[in-house]
């Protein structure tokens, strides 16, 4: 299973166990992902790190000094590298 972290601007939007769609966006030299209806966004990923799944399951939600973060699990292998 692959796990990735997404940044949320506010809490209370998601619950652990929810299955949400993931939308891929493209930049000139990388990709980024939006979780659900823009609940959270990923960091930028290189081409070799692209997420192949179309949906993922929320496995953790946490608050840190830098904001709210959601960990999502995908039914695919972690990218090597």
C-alpha atoms as a PDB file:
ATOM      1  CA  UNK A   1       0.000   0.000   0.000  1.00  0.00           C
ATOM      2  CA  UNK A   2       1.118   3.500  -0.789  1.00  0.00           C
ATOM      3  CA  UNK A   3       0.578   6.331   1.707  1.00  0.00           C
ATOM      4  CA  UNK A   4       0.774  10.016   0.842  1.00  0.00           C
ATOM      5  CA  UNK A   5       0.166  13.184   2.801  1.00  0.00           C
ATOM      6  CA  UNK A   6      -2.140  16.021   1.742  1.00  0.00           C
ATOM      7  CA  UNK A   7      -2.384  19.517   3.283  1.00  0.00           C
ATOM      8  CA  UNK A   8      -5.770  20.826   4.483  1.00  0.00           C
ATOM      9  CA  UNK A   9      -6.506  24.429   5.359  1.00  0.00           C
ATOM     10  CA  UNK A  10      -9.107  23.609   8.011  1.00  0.00           C
ATOM     11  CA  UNK A  11     -10.266  20.644  10.010  1.00  0.00           C
ATOM     12  CA  UNK A  12     -13.650  18.939  10.120  1.00  0.00           C
ATOM     13  CA  UNK A  13     -13.917  18.289   6.395  1.00  0.00           C
ATOM     14  CA  UNK A  14     -12.938  14.614   6.405  1.00  0.00           C
ATOM     15  CA  UNK A  15     -13.128  11.530   8.594  1.00  0.00           C
ATOM     16  CA  UNK A  16     -10.813   8.532   8.880  1.00  0.00           C
ATOM     17  CA  UNK A  17     -12.139   5.706   6.704  1.00  0.00           C
ATOM     18  CA  UNK A  18     -13.619   7.910   3.971  1.00  0.00           C
ATOM     19  CA  UNK A  19     -12.854   6.885   0.390  1.00  0.00           C
ATOM     20  CA  UNK A  20     -12.304   9.944  -1.796  1.00  0.00           C
ATOM     21  CA  UNK A  21     -11.505  10.585  -5.438  1.00  0.00           C
ATOM     22  CA  UNK A  22      -8.096  11.993  -6.324  1.00  0.00           C
ATOM     23  CA  UNK A  23      -7.697  14.396  -9.251  1.00  0.00           C
ATOM     24  CA  UNK A  24      -4.337  14.842 -10.978  1.00  0.00           C
ATOM     25  CA  UNK A  25      -3.097  18.270 -12.054  1.00  0.00           C
ATOM     26  CA  UNK A  26      -0.118  18.900 -14.279  1.00  0.00           C
ATOM     27  CA  UNK A  27       2.631  21.502 -14.022  1.00  0.00           C
ATOM     28  CA  UNK A  28       5.407  21.968 -16.607  1.00  0.00           C
ATOM     29  CA  UNK A  29       7.722  19.466 -14.911  1.00  0.00           C
ATOM     30  CA  UNK A  30       5.667  17.801 -12.160  1.00  0.00           C
ATOM     31  CA  UNK A  31       2.217  16.673 -11.001  1.00  0.00           C
ATOM     32  CA  UNK A  32       0.015  17.521  -8.007  1.00  0.00           C
ATOM     33  CA  UNK A  33      -3.164  15.982  -6.621  1.00  0.00           C
ATOM     34  CA  UNK A  34      -6.423  17.320  -5.207  1.00  0.00           C
ATOM     35  CA  UNK A  35      -8.324  15.201  -2.699  1.00  0.00           C
ATOM     36  CA  UNK A  36     -12.093  15.034  -3.056  1.00  0.00           C
ATOM     37  CA  UNK A  37     -13.873  18.348  -3.651  1.00  0.00           C
ATOM     38  CA  UNK A  38     -10.676  20.344  -2.998  1.00  0.00           C
ATOM     39  CA  UNK A  39     -10.542  19.257   0.655  1.00  0.00           C
ATOM     40  CA  UNK A  40      -6.748  18.942   0.537  1.00  0.00           C
ATOM     41  CA  UNK A  41      -3.817  19.190  -1.869  1.00  0.00           C
ATOM     42  CA  UNK A  42      -0.597  17.250  -2.262  1.00  0.00           C
ATOM     43  CA  UNK A  43       2.954  18.399  -2.728  1.00  0.00           C
ATOM     44  CA  UNK A  44       4.415  18.260  -6.247  1.00  0.00           C
ATOM     45  CA  UNK A  45       5.506  14.880  -7.584  1.00  0.00           C
ATOM     46  CA  UNK A  46       8.018  13.948 -10.281  1.00  0.00           C
ATOM     47  CA  UNK A  47       6.805  11.909 -13.249  1.00  0.00           C
ATOM     48  CA  UNK A  48       8.234   8.711 -11.719  1.00  0.00           C
ATOM     49  CA  UNK A  49       6.271   9.360  -8.482  1.00  0.00           C
ATOM     50  CA  UNK A  50       2.813   9.884 -10.015  1.00  0.00           C
ATOM     51  CA  UNK A  51      -0.175   8.436  -8.180  1.00  0.00           C
ATOM     52  CA  UNK A  52      -1.898   5.893 -10.418  1.00  0.00           C
ATOM     53  CA  UNK A  53      -5.026   5.318  -8.295  1.00  0.00           C
ATOM     54  CA  UNK A  54      -8.208   7.301  -8.883  1.00  0.00           C
ATOM     55  CA  UNK A  55      -9.299   7.107  -5.230  1.00  0.00           C
ATOM     56  CA  UNK A  56      -7.799   6.647  -1.793  1.00  0.00           C
ATOM     57  CA  UNK A  57      -8.823   5.989   1.808  1.00  0.00           C
ATOM     58  CA  UNK A  58      -8.212   8.501   4.601  1.00  0.00           C
ATOM     59  CA  UNK A  59      -6.161   6.712   7.294  1.00  0.00           C
ATOM     60  CA  UNK A  60      -5.040   9.634   9.495  1.00  0.00           C
ATOM     61  CA  UNK A  61      -5.799  13.301  10.136  1.00  0.00           C
ATOM     62  CA  UNK A  62      -3.468  15.385  12.287  1.00  0.00           C
ATOM     63  CA  UNK A  63      -2.855  18.957  13.321  1.00  0.00           C
ATOM     64  CA  UNK A  64       0.723  20.226  13.475  1.00  0.00           C
ATOM     65  CA  UNK A  65       2.214  23.693  13.965  1.00  0.00           C
ATOM     66  CA  UNK A  66       2.322  23.903  10.142  1.00  0.00           C
ATOM     67  CA  UNK A  67      -1.384  23.112   9.688  1.00  0.00           C
ATOM     68  CA  UNK A  68      -3.696  20.161   9.110  1.00  0.00           C
ATOM     69  CA  UNK A  69      -2.499  17.063   7.271  1.00  0.00           C
ATOM     70  CA  UNK A  70      -4.377  14.055   5.901  1.00  0.00           C
ATOM     71  CA  UNK A  71      -2.695  10.726   5.217  1.00  0.00           C
ATOM     72  CA  UNK A  72      -4.320   8.800   2.380  1.00  0.00           C
ATOM     73  CA  UNK A  73      -3.692   5.160   1.488  1.00  0.00           C
ATOM     74  CA  UNK A  74      -3.751   3.991  -2.134  1.00  0.00           C
ATOM     75  CA  UNK A  75      -3.982   0.451  -3.493  1.00  0.00           C
ATOM     76  CA  UNK A  76      -0.596   0.573  -5.235  1.00  0.00           C
ATOM     77  CA  UNK A  77       3.081   0.194  -4.403  1.00  0.00           C
ATOM     78  CA  UNK A  78       5.238   3.004  -3.044  1.00  0.00           C
ATOM     79  CA  UNK A  79       7.350   4.535  -5.828  1.00  0.00           C
ATOM     80  CA  UNK A  80      11.010   3.544  -5.744  1.00  0.00           C
ATOM     81  CA  UNK A  81      13.610   6.226  -5.470  1.00  0.00           C
END
